[in-house]
Amino acid sequence: MRLGYDLTIEQSQKLVMTPELIQAIQILQFNTQELESYVEEQLLTNPILEMAPAAPQSTDSEQEKPSDDFRSKEEHEIDWAEHFKEKEYDDISYKQWEYNTEKNEYTYEQYVSSEITLTEHLLFQLQFAPLKKSCRQAGRYIIESLDENGYMTLTLDEISRELSLSKDKVELVLSAIQSFDPAGVGARNLKECLLIQLAHQGNEDPLITEVINHYLEDIAGNRLNNIAKALNVTVREVQEISDIIKGLEPKPGRQFGSSSDTRYIVPDVIVEKVDDEYIVTVNESSAPKLTISPYYQKMLIDSDKESNISKFLTGRLNSALWLIRSIEQRRQTIYNVVCAVVKYQIDFFEEGPKHLKTLTLKQIADEVGIHESTVSRSINGKYMQTPRGVFEIKYFFTSGVSGNSGEGIASESIKTIIKEIVDKEDPKAPLSDQTMVEMLAERGIDISRRTVAKYRDEMNLPSSSKRKRY
């Protein structure tokens, strides 16, 4: 065995991801909001970049995008000053920024409404409550301690110690708050919440109170026979009580706005039916138009090629052109993928959710001629606006089972059919999961009882015993 240093030559193959390639992959994966944020960041760090001004639809030759000179990585080593001179850019047209000389006009359409929160709603009512000044402070403290559903999060003892008030006074303030709208607010538990609502309705039936205090779990499990036997009443009476209780609001605070709950969806792709054809359009906001600053083009032309300014601007220009090309490539990839999805799921668009087919990433990848991971990135977190509503693009990629005809049936289609069966069943004799298995088999869908139960749970449909009405 010999130990020592040797110089050897060997040949190997490996994939090296350049920063530009990593950037292109990131851009493809961004949703609309993430891409907008990324572009804003690039506009701040790269002086060469500018947002293209809004203009009417232009021809391909008029659009501001990289020319054929920038198609390959090798062609980045270009004399940009000579390139701009060859293109005969108007020296007079350059500018570093624009001033908007138009007078600002404000209209109500520029403002959005703000939803009233539960806290604001209750504090407004507190102003008119017949309480002393010291008690109003306790009222404000209690209101601000309520959770988003309107329930108490502190005990009376904790509030009493914190505010140095007697427990009786705190309880008096709490009673006043429990008389506020919405009914049930300020309750310490579900039972108290329901009882407060009954009191607001003027319903003082002792039988309903008894059921709320001792048989709520049986109501939830639809075990009405147990309640009827325990209270010595008919099942029909218990059914009526159950309907009254289920008509109450278990979370009185959820009807009010909350800034943390506000979520906006901006569709990345719009699918419209024109005559008998579905047209796919990539949302312009999801593919921002960027251009090269004429001011810095002029500066690059005038500067010495060997100067630091020229080298800096050339590097920034390369980066800007790569970003513009990556955004355009992202737009084209999303367009191609969605066109293939619409073509494959045409029955869904024509007939509805029951006709959704099974679809995998590989099928679309083979259709478009790209890798599965590229398809995955192009649909990740992106939404499609269609004549049937707004859907996450992932919605159309679903597993399922093979029908008797050999065609794949998506799980979403099966769920829709199960929902229709449940909606049409006799509530006094609800269908069991096994019965639904047999009904689905008659439609050419062969799945197990366990799968039916799984789909039913995913749709929040209770079991047959809980759906039964007397």
Protein backbone atom coordinates (compact mmCIF):
# COMPACT_ATOMS: atom_id res chain seq x y z
CA MET A 1 0.00 0.00 0.00
CA ARG A 2 1.44 3.34 -1.14
CA LEU A 3 0.55 6.65 0.49
CA GLY A 4 1.12 9.90 -1.35
CA TYR A 5 -0.28 12.66 -3.58
CA ASP A 6 -1.13 12.10 -7.24
CA LEU A 7 -2.52 14.28 -10.01
CA THR A 8 -5.18 12.45 -12.02
CA ILE A 9 -7.54 13.49 -14.82
CA GLU A 10 -11.06 12.14 -14.80
CA GLN A 11 -14.24 12.93 -16.69
CA SER A 12 -17.57 13.30 -14.89
CA GLN A 13 -21.03 14.70 -15.53
CA LYS A 14 -22.96 16.78 -13.01
CA LEU A 15 -25.70 19.37 -12.98
CA VAL A 16 -24.65 22.81 -11.77
CA MET A 17 -27.44 25.28 -11.11
CA THR A 18 -26.39 28.80 -11.97
CA PRO A 19 -27.87 31.75 -10.03
CA GLU A 20 -29.86 32.63 -13.16
CA LEU A 21 -31.38 29.14 -13.34
CA ILE A 22 -32.25 29.24 -9.63
CA GLN A 23 -33.93 32.61 -10.18
CA ALA A 24 -35.95 31.24 -13.12
CA ILE A 25 -37.16 28.30 -11.02
CA GLN A 26 -38.14 30.62 -8.17
CA ILE A 27 -40.06 32.92 -10.52
CA LEU A 28 -41.98 30.00 -12.00
CA GLN A 29 -42.99 28.86 -8.51
CA PHE A 30 -44.15 32.31 -7.33
CA ASN A 31 -47.86 33.05 -7.19
CA THR A 32 -49.16 36.46 -8.32
CA GLN A 33 -48.59 38.28 -5.00
CA GLU A 34 -45.13 36.77 -4.49
CA LEU A 35 -44.09 37.70 -8.03
CA GLU A 36 -45.28 41.29 -7.57
CA SER A 37 -43.22 41.59 -4.36
CA TYR A 38 -40.18 40.07 -6.06
CA VAL A 39 -40.43 42.43 -9.05
CA GLU A 40 -40.77 45.45 -6.73
CA GLU A 41 -37.60 44.32 -4.94
CA GLN A 42 -35.75 43.96 -8.26
CA LEU A 43 -36.91 47.42 -9.38
CA LEU A 44 -35.34 48.88 -6.23
CA THR A 45 -32.02 47.04 -6.60
CA ASN A 46 -31.57 47.23 -10.38
CA PRO A 47 -31.63 50.78 -11.85
CA ILE A 48 -31.74 49.41 -15.41
CA LEU A 49 -35.25 47.98 -14.87
CA GLU A 50 -38.45 49.96 -15.29
CA MET A 51 -42.11 49.06 -15.34
CA ALA A 52 -43.41 49.29 -18.91
CA PRO A 53 -46.12 51.97 -19.22
CA ALA A 54 -49.66 50.73 -19.73
CA ALA A 55 -50.43 50.75 -23.42
CA PRO A 56 -52.89 49.20 -25.88
CA GLN A 57 -52.25 45.67 -27.06
CA SER A 58 -49.23 45.85 -29.35
CA THR A 59 -47.80 43.56 -31.98
CA ASP A 60 -44.94 41.22 -31.22
CA SER A 61 -42.48 43.58 -32.91
CA GLU A 62 -43.60 46.50 -30.74
CA GLN A 63 -43.57 44.74 -27.34
CA GLU A 64 -40.76 45.60 -24.93
CA LYS A 65 -39.05 42.28 -24.40
CA PRO A 66 -35.63 40.77 -25.02
CA SER A 67 -34.75 40.62 -28.70
CA ASP A 68 -33.29 37.63 -30.50
CA ASP A 69 -29.84 38.92 -29.56
CA PHE A 70 -30.38 37.75 -25.98
CA ARG A 71 -31.58 34.19 -26.45
CA SER A 72 -28.52 32.29 -25.30
CA LYS A 73 -26.25 32.55 -22.32
CA GLU A 74 -23.19 32.80 -24.58
CA GLU A 75 -24.49 35.96 -26.20
CA HIS A 76 -24.42 37.92 -22.93
CA GLU A 77 -20.91 39.10 -23.82
CA ILE A 78 -22.20 41.79 -26.18
CA ASP A 79 -21.08 45.35 -26.77
CA TRP A 80 -24.28 46.88 -25.48
CA ALA A 81 -23.33 50.43 -26.51
CA GLU A 82 -22.93 49.28 -30.12
CA HIS A 83 -26.15 47.27 -29.85
CA PHE A 84 -28.16 50.34 -28.76
CA LYS A 85 -26.62 52.45 -31.52
CA GLU A 86 -27.52 49.82 -34.12
CA LYS A 87 -31.09 49.81 -32.89
CA GLU A 88 -31.06 53.58 -33.43
CA TYR A 89 -32.59 54.57 -30.08
CA ASP A 90 -33.68 58.18 -30.03
CA ASP A 91 -31.25 60.07 -27.82
CA ILE A 92 -33.87 62.72 -27.09
CA SER A 93 -36.45 60.20 -25.87
CA TYR A 94 -34.52 59.02 -22.84
CA LYS A 95 -35.61 60.00 -19.36
CA GLN A 96 -34.84 58.80 -15.87
CA TRP A 97 -38.30 59.28 -14.44
CA GLU A 98 -41.68 60.70 -15.28
CA TYR A 99 -43.79 63.21 -13.44
CA ASN A 100 -47.53 62.82 -13.47
CA THR A 101 -48.79 66.32 -14.11
CA GLU A 102 -52.43 65.32 -14.06
CA LYS A 103 -54.42 66.62 -11.15
CA ASN A 104 -55.26 63.91 -8.63
CA GLU A 105 -58.94 63.22 -8.47
CA TYR A 106 -60.42 61.24 -5.61
CA THR A 107 -63.58 59.22 -5.88
CA TYR A 108 -65.40 56.86 -3.54
CA GLU A 109 -64.29 54.00 -5.78
CA GLN A 110 -60.74 54.49 -4.47
CA TYR A 111 -61.76 53.54 -0.94
CA VAL A 112 -62.68 50.19 0.55
CA SER A 113 -65.01 49.51 3.41
CA SER A 114 -63.70 48.16 6.70
CA GLU A 115 -65.68 45.49 8.50
CA ILE A 116 -66.68 46.22 12.09
CA THR A 117 -64.97 43.90 14.53
CA LEU A 118 -66.69 42.24 17.47
CA THR A 119 -64.71 44.38 19.93
CA GLU A 120 -65.77 47.63 18.23
CA HIS A 121 -69.41 46.51 18.11
CA LEU A 122 -69.47 45.69 21.83
CA LEU A 123 -67.58 48.82 22.92
CA PHE A 124 -70.13 50.93 21.06
CA GLN A 125 -72.95 49.27 23.04
CA LEU A 126 -70.99 49.67 26.28
CA GLN A 127 -71.30 53.46 25.95
CA PHE A 128 -75.06 53.21 26.46
CA ALA A 129 -75.08 50.55 29.17
CA PRO A 130 -76.39 51.72 32.61
CA LEU A 131 -73.03 51.22 34.35
CA LYS A 132 -70.89 53.42 36.60
CA LYS A 133 -67.57 54.76 35.39
CA SER A 134 -65.54 52.20 37.36
CA CYS A 135 -67.68 49.39 35.96
CA ARG A 136 -67.25 50.68 32.38
CA GLN A 137 -63.51 50.18 32.73
CA ALA A 138 -64.17 46.58 33.76
CA GLY A 139 -66.57 46.22 30.82
CA ARG A 140 -63.90 47.39 28.39
CA TYR A 141 -61.40 44.98 29.96
CA ILE A 142 -63.82 42.04 29.61
CA ILE A 143 -64.75 42.92 26.02
CA GLU A 144 -61.12 43.18 24.95
CA SER A 145 -60.39 39.80 26.54
CA LEU A 146 -63.07 37.93 24.55
CA ASP A 147 -61.85 35.51 21.91
CA GLU A 148 -62.82 35.76 18.23
CA ASN A 149 -65.92 33.62 18.86
CA GLY A 150 -67.15 35.90 21.64
CA TYR A 151 -66.30 33.65 24.60
CA MET A 152 -64.72 34.68 27.91
CA THR A 153 -61.03 33.83 28.16
CA LEU A 154 -60.57 34.98 31.77
CA THR A 155 -62.26 33.92 35.00
CA LEU A 156 -64.15 36.32 37.25
CA ASP A 157 -61.48 35.90 39.93
CA GLU A 158 -58.69 36.91 37.52
CA ILE A 159 -60.58 40.02 36.40
CA SER A 160 -61.44 40.91 40.00
CA ARG A 161 -57.79 40.72 41.09
CA GLU A 162 -56.50 42.60 38.03
CA LEU A 163 -58.93 45.51 38.37
CA SER A 164 -59.20 45.50 42.19
CA LEU A 165 -62.99 45.18 41.94
CA SER A 166 -65.27 42.93 43.94
CA LYS A 167 -66.38 39.74 42.24
CA ASP A 168 -70.03 40.86 42.50
CA LYS A 169 -69.31 44.01 40.49
CA VAL A 170 -67.44 42.05 37.84
CA GLU A 171 -70.35 39.62 37.58
CA LEU A 172 -72.75 42.56 37.24
CA VAL A 173 -70.69 43.97 34.35
CA LEU A 174 -70.51 40.55 32.70
CA SER A 175 -74.30 40.21 32.91
CA ALA A 176 -74.64 43.57 31.16
CA ILE A 177 -72.29 42.46 28.37
CA GLN A 178 -74.21 39.21 27.99
CA SER A 179 -77.29 41.30 27.20
CA PHE A 180 -75.50 42.90 24.22
CA ASP A 181 -75.82 41.95 20.60
CA PRO A 182 -74.98 39.37 19.29
CA ALA A 183 -76.88 37.10 21.64
CA GLY A 184 -74.62 34.65 23.46
CA VAL A 185 -71.56 36.89 23.60
CA GLY A 186 -69.61 36.89 26.87
CA ALA A 187 -70.48 33.28 27.69
CA ARG A 188 -67.97 31.14 29.55
CA ASN A 189 -68.90 27.88 27.81
CA LEU A 190 -71.19 26.50 25.12
CA LYS A 191 -74.06 25.69 27.50
CA GLU A 192 -74.15 29.23 28.87
CA CYS A 193 -73.94 30.63 25.32
CA LEU A 194 -77.01 28.65 24.21
CA LEU A 195 -78.98 29.49 27.34
CA ILE A 196 -78.28 33.21 26.88
CA GLN A 197 -79.63 33.00 23.34
CA LEU A 198 -82.79 31.24 24.53
CA ALA A 199 -83.29 34.01 27.11
CA HIS A 200 -82.93 36.64 24.36
CA GLN A 201 -85.64 34.83 22.39
CA GLY A 202 -87.91 34.72 25.44
CA ASN A 203 -87.90 30.94 25.34
CA GLU A 204 -87.94 29.66 28.91
CA ASP A 205 -89.04 26.10 28.22
CA PRO A 206 -87.58 24.05 31.12
CA LEU A 207 -87.35 20.94 28.91
CA ILE A 208 -85.00 22.69 26.45
CA THR A 209 -82.94 24.01 29.36
CA GLU A 210 -82.69 20.49 30.76
CA VAL A 211 -81.50 19.11 27.42
CA ILE A 212 -78.86 21.85 27.06
CA ASN A 213 -77.57 21.32 30.59
CA HIS A 214 -77.35 17.55 30.50
CA TYR A 215 -77.79 16.08 27.01
CA LEU A 216 -75.81 18.17 24.53
CA GLU A 217 -73.52 15.25 23.65
CA ASP A 218 -76.56 13.09 22.86
CA ILE A 219 -77.91 15.90 20.64
CA ALA A 220 -74.57 16.03 18.79
CA GLY A 221 -74.64 12.26 18.32
CA ASN A 222 -78.33 12.28 17.30
CA ARG A 223 -79.09 9.83 20.13
CA LEU A 224 -82.61 11.16 20.52
CA ASN A 225 -84.05 7.88 21.81
CA ASN A 226 -81.78 8.05 24.88
CA ILE A 227 -82.99 11.58 25.67
CA ALA A 228 -86.65 10.62 25.14
CA LYS A 229 -86.36 7.72 27.57
CA ALA A 230 -84.48 9.77 30.18
CA LEU A 231 -86.97 12.66 30.09
CA ASN A 232 -90.05 10.47 29.49
CA VAL A 233 -91.13 12.33 26.35
CA THR A 234 -91.69 11.29 22.74
CA VAL A 235 -88.85 11.15 20.22
CA ARG A 236 -90.72 13.69 18.07
CA GLU A 237 -90.63 16.21 20.93
CA VAL A 238 -86.90 15.64 21.35
CA GLN A 239 -86.47 16.11 17.59
CA GLU A 240 -88.19 19.51 17.82
CA ILE A 241 -85.97 20.49 20.77
CA SER A 242 -82.92 19.34 18.81
CA ASP A 243 -83.93 21.53 15.85
CA ILE A 244 -84.30 24.56 18.16
CA ILE A 245 -80.86 23.98 19.73
CA LYS A 246 -79.18 23.41 16.36
CA GLY A 247 -80.72 26.68 15.17
CA LEU A 248 -78.76 28.61 17.82
CA GLU A 249 -75.31 30.09 17.12
CA PRO A 250 -72.50 28.27 18.97
CA LYS A 251 -69.95 30.94 17.96
CA PRO A 252 -71.71 34.33 18.11
CA GLY A 253 -68.57 36.31 17.38
CA ARG A 254 -67.71 34.76 14.03
CA GLN A 255 -70.20 36.91 12.10
CA PHE A 256 -67.95 39.94 12.63
CA GLY A 257 -64.93 40.99 10.61
CA SER A 258 -61.38 40.20 11.56
CA SER A 259 -58.33 41.58 9.80
CA SER A 260 -56.51 38.29 10.30
CA ASP A 261 -59.22 36.42 8.41
CA THR A 262 -59.08 38.59 5.28
CA ARG A 263 -57.70 36.60 2.36
CA TYR A 264 -57.69 37.64 -1.27
CA ILE A 265 -57.31 35.39 -4.26
CA VAL A 266 -56.04 36.89 -7.49
CA PRO A 267 -56.55 34.39 -10.33
CA ASP A 268 -53.36 33.80 -12.29
CA VAL A 269 -55.25 32.46 -15.30
CA ILE A 270 -58.67 33.31 -16.73
CA VAL A 271 -60.62 30.77 -18.79
CA GLU A 272 -63.54 32.12 -20.78
CA LYS A 273 -65.93 30.44 -23.17
CA VAL A 274 -66.16 32.29 -26.47
CA ASP A 275 -68.68 30.71 -28.86
CA ASP A 276 -67.86 27.00 -28.48
CA GLU A 277 -64.22 27.42 -27.55
CA TYR A 278 -62.51 27.93 -24.19
CA ILE A 279 -59.95 30.74 -24.32
CA VAL A 280 -57.08 30.79 -21.80
CA THR A 281 -55.59 34.15 -20.79
CA VAL A 282 -52.76 34.67 -18.32
CA ASN A 283 -53.64 37.49 -15.94
CA GLU A 284 -51.51 40.52 -16.79
CA SER A 285 -50.87 41.22 -13.09
CA SER A 286 -49.29 37.77 -12.77
CA ALA A 287 -46.82 38.58 -15.56
CA PRO A 288 -45.72 42.20 -15.00
CA LYS A 289 -44.33 44.04 -18.01
CA LEU A 290 -40.75 45.23 -17.52
CA THR A 291 -38.54 47.23 -19.81
CA ILE A 292 -35.03 48.65 -19.97
CA SER A 293 -34.51 52.24 -18.83
CA PRO A 294 -33.74 54.52 -21.86
CA TYR A 295 -31.78 56.81 -19.53
CA TYR A 296 -29.26 54.08 -18.67
CA GLN A 297 -29.18 52.91 -22.28
CA LYS A 298 -27.97 56.41 -23.19
CA MET A 299 -25.47 56.37 -20.32
CA LEU A 300 -24.07 53.01 -21.50
CA ILE A 301 -23.70 54.28 -25.06
CA ASP A 302 -21.83 57.39 -23.93
CA SER A 303 -19.54 55.68 -21.40
CA ASP A 304 -16.15 54.15 -22.06
CA LYS A 305 -16.39 50.37 -22.54
CA GLU A 306 -13.52 49.77 -20.12
CA SER A 307 -14.87 52.07 -17.42
CA ASN A 308 -16.37 50.84 -14.14
CA ILE A 309 -19.69 52.47 -15.05
CA SER A 310 -19.90 50.51 -18.31
CA LYS A 311 -19.01 47.23 -16.57
CA PHE A 312 -21.56 47.87 -13.82
CA LEU A 313 -24.33 48.78 -16.26
CA THR A 314 -23.55 45.79 -18.47
CA GLY A 315 -23.88 43.45 -15.49
CA ARG A 316 -27.15 45.08 -14.43
CA LEU A 317 -28.41 44.88 -18.00
CA ASN A 318 -27.66 41.16 -18.22
CA SER A 319 -29.53 40.63 -14.95
CA ALA A 320 -32.50 42.71 -16.16
CA LEU A 321 -32.77 40.86 -19.47
CA TRP A 322 -32.63 37.50 -17.72
CA LEU A 323 -35.42 38.58 -15.35
CA ILE A 324 -37.59 39.78 -18.25
CA ARG A 325 -37.02 36.51 -20.10
CA SER A 326 -37.73 34.42 -16.97
CA ILE A 327 -41.06 36.21 -16.39
CA GLU A 328 -42.04 35.69 -20.03
CA GLN A 329 -41.03 32.03 -19.81
CA ARG A 330 -43.12 31.68 -16.65
CA ARG A 331 -46.14 33.18 -18.42
CA GLN A 332 -45.73 30.85 -21.39
CA THR A 333 -45.28 27.76 -19.20
CA ILE A 334 -48.40 28.51 -17.14
CA TYR A 335 -50.34 29.17 -20.35
CA ASN A 336 -49.25 25.87 -21.91
CA VAL A 337 -50.02 23.86 -18.75
CA VAL A 338 -53.48 25.39 -18.27
CA CYS A 339 -54.36 24.91 -21.96
CA ALA A 340 -53.51 21.22 -21.61
CA VAL A 341 -55.57 20.96 -18.39
CA VAL A 342 -58.60 22.65 -19.99
CA LYS A 343 -58.33 20.38 -23.02
CA TYR A 344 -58.19 17.26 -20.83
CA GLN A 345 -60.92 18.35 -18.40
CA ILE A 346 -63.27 19.73 -21.07
CA ASP A 347 -66.13 17.58 -19.71
CA PHE A 348 -65.84 19.36 -16.36
CA PHE A 349 -66.21 22.77 -17.98
CA GLU A 350 -69.16 21.61 -20.07
CA GLU A 351 -71.03 19.33 -17.65
CA GLY A 352 -69.84 20.11 -14.11
CA PRO A 353 -67.88 18.56 -11.20
CA LYS A 354 -69.36 15.08 -11.69
CA HIS A 355 -67.40 14.80 -14.93
CA LEU A 356 -63.96 15.60 -13.51
CA LYS A 357 -61.42 13.01 -14.65
CA THR A 358 -58.35 11.67 -12.93
CA LEU A 359 -55.27 13.61 -13.94
CA THR A 360 -51.61 13.34 -12.99
CA LEU A 361 -48.65 15.67 -13.36
CA LYS A 362 -47.00 13.17 -15.70
CA GLN A 363 -49.88 13.29 -18.17
CA ILE A 364 -49.66 17.06 -18.51
CA ALA A 365 -45.84 16.95 -18.52
CA ASP A 366 -45.90 14.53 -21.46
CA GLU A 367 -48.52 16.63 -23.24
CA VAL A 368 -46.61 19.92 -22.87
CA GLY A 369 -43.14 18.41 -23.21
CA ILE A 370 -41.70 19.52 -19.87
CA HIS A 371 -40.66 17.80 -16.64
CA GLU A 372 -43.18 16.88 -13.92
CA SER A 373 -41.42 19.14 -11.42
CA THR A 374 -41.91 22.07 -13.82
CA VAL A 375 -45.64 21.32 -14.00
CA SER A 376 -45.76 21.15 -10.20
CA ARG A 377 -44.03 24.53 -9.82
CA SER A 378 -46.21 26.17 -12.47
CA ILE A 379 -49.47 25.23 -10.68
CA ASN A 380 -48.26 25.64 -7.10
CA GLY A 381 -50.43 28.21 -5.25
CA LYS A 382 -52.00 29.46 -8.49
CA TYR A 383 -55.70 29.88 -9.23
CA MET A 384 -57.86 29.67 -12.33
CA GLN A 385 -60.98 31.74 -12.91
CA THR A 386 -63.51 29.76 -14.95
CA PRO A 387 -67.18 30.06 -15.92
CA ARG A 388 -67.83 27.57 -13.08
CA GLY A 389 -65.99 29.59 -10.42
CA VAL A 390 -62.46 30.14 -9.14
CA PHE A 391 -60.45 26.96 -8.53
CA GLU A 392 -56.92 26.26 -7.45
CA ILE A 393 -55.24 24.68 -10.49
CA LYS A 394 -54.30 21.71 -8.27
CA TYR A 395 -58.05 20.97 -8.06
CA PHE A 396 -57.92 19.53 -11.57
CA PHE A 397 -55.08 17.15 -10.66
CA THR A 398 -56.83 14.48 -8.66
CA SER A 399 -56.64 10.76 -8.09
CA GLY A 400 -59.62 8.48 -8.36
CA VAL A 401 -60.77 5.08 -9.58
CA SER A 402 -61.35 3.46 -12.93
CA GLY A 403 -64.95 3.12 -14.02
CA ASN A 404 -66.42 0.05 -15.70
CA SER A 405 -65.84 1.75 -19.05
CA GLY A 406 -62.12 1.98 -18.27
CA GLU A 407 -62.12 5.76 -17.96
CA GLY A 408 -60.73 7.35 -14.79
CA ILE A 409 -63.24 8.96 -12.43
CA ALA A 410 -61.83 11.62 -10.12
CA SER A 411 -62.41 11.49 -6.36
CA GLU A 412 -64.03 14.95 -6.53
CA SER A 413 -66.59 13.58 -8.99
CA ILE A 414 -67.37 10.70 -6.66
CA LYS A 415 -67.79 13.12 -3.74
CA THR A 416 -70.26 15.16 -5.79
CA ILE A 417 -72.29 12.04 -6.53
CA ILE A 418 -72.26 10.98 -2.85
CA LYS A 419 -73.45 14.48 -1.88
CA GLU A 420 -76.33 14.22 -4.38
CA ILE A 421 -77.32 10.79 -3.00
CA VAL A 422 -77.37 12.13 0.58
CA ASP A 423 -79.38 15.21 -0.44
CA LYS A 424 -82.06 13.06 -2.08
CA GLU A 425 -82.33 10.37 0.62
CA ASP A 426 -85.29 9.98 2.98
CA PRO A 427 -84.19 11.69 6.23
CA LYS A 428 -86.26 9.21 8.25
CA ALA A 429 -84.35 6.32 6.68
CA PRO A 430 -80.88 7.60 5.69
CA LEU A 431 -78.71 5.43 3.47
CA SER A 432 -75.82 3.51 4.98
CA ASP A 433 -72.32 3.62 3.50
CA GLN A 434 -72.75 0.08 2.19
CA THR A 435 -75.98 1.04 0.41
CA MET A 436 -74.15 3.95 -1.23
CA VAL A 437 -71.40 1.53 -2.34
CA GLU A 438 -74.07 -0.51 -4.14
CA MET A 439 -75.64 2.60 -5.70
CA LEU A 440 -72.26 3.79 -6.95
CA ALA A 441 -71.57 0.34 -8.39
CA GLU A 442 -74.76 0.68 -10.46
CA ARG A 443 -73.21 3.85 -11.96
CA GLY A 444 -70.03 2.01 -12.85
CA ILE A 445 -68.01 3.20 -9.84
CA ASP A 446 -66.45 0.36 -7.87
CA ILE A 447 -65.16 1.56 -4.48
CA SER A 448 -65.16 0.10 -0.97
CA ARG A 449 -67.35 1.08 1.98
CA ARG A 450 -64.27 2.46 3.75
CA THR A 451 -63.59 4.78 0.79
CA VAL A 452 -67.19 6.03 0.85
CA ALA A 453 -66.84 6.75 4.58
CA LYS A 454 -63.56 8.59 3.93
CA TYR A 455 -65.10 10.77 1.20
CA ARG A 456 -68.14 11.44 3.37
CA ASP A 457 -65.95 12.57 6.28
CA GLU A 458 -63.96 14.87 3.96
CA MET A 459 -67.24 16.57 3.00
CA ASN A 460 -68.28 16.84 6.69
CA LEU A 461 -71.31 14.62 6.11
CA PRO A 462 -72.33 12.75 9.29
CA SER A 463 -72.98 9.01 9.35
CA SER A 464 -76.44 7.59 8.66
CA SER A 465 -77.24 7.31 12.38
CA LYS A 466 -76.52 11.02 12.86
CA ARG A 467 -78.47 12.04 9.76
CA LYS A 468 -81.63 10.27 10.84
CA ARG A 469 -84.69 12.38 11.65
CA TYR A 470 -87.73 11.10 13.57
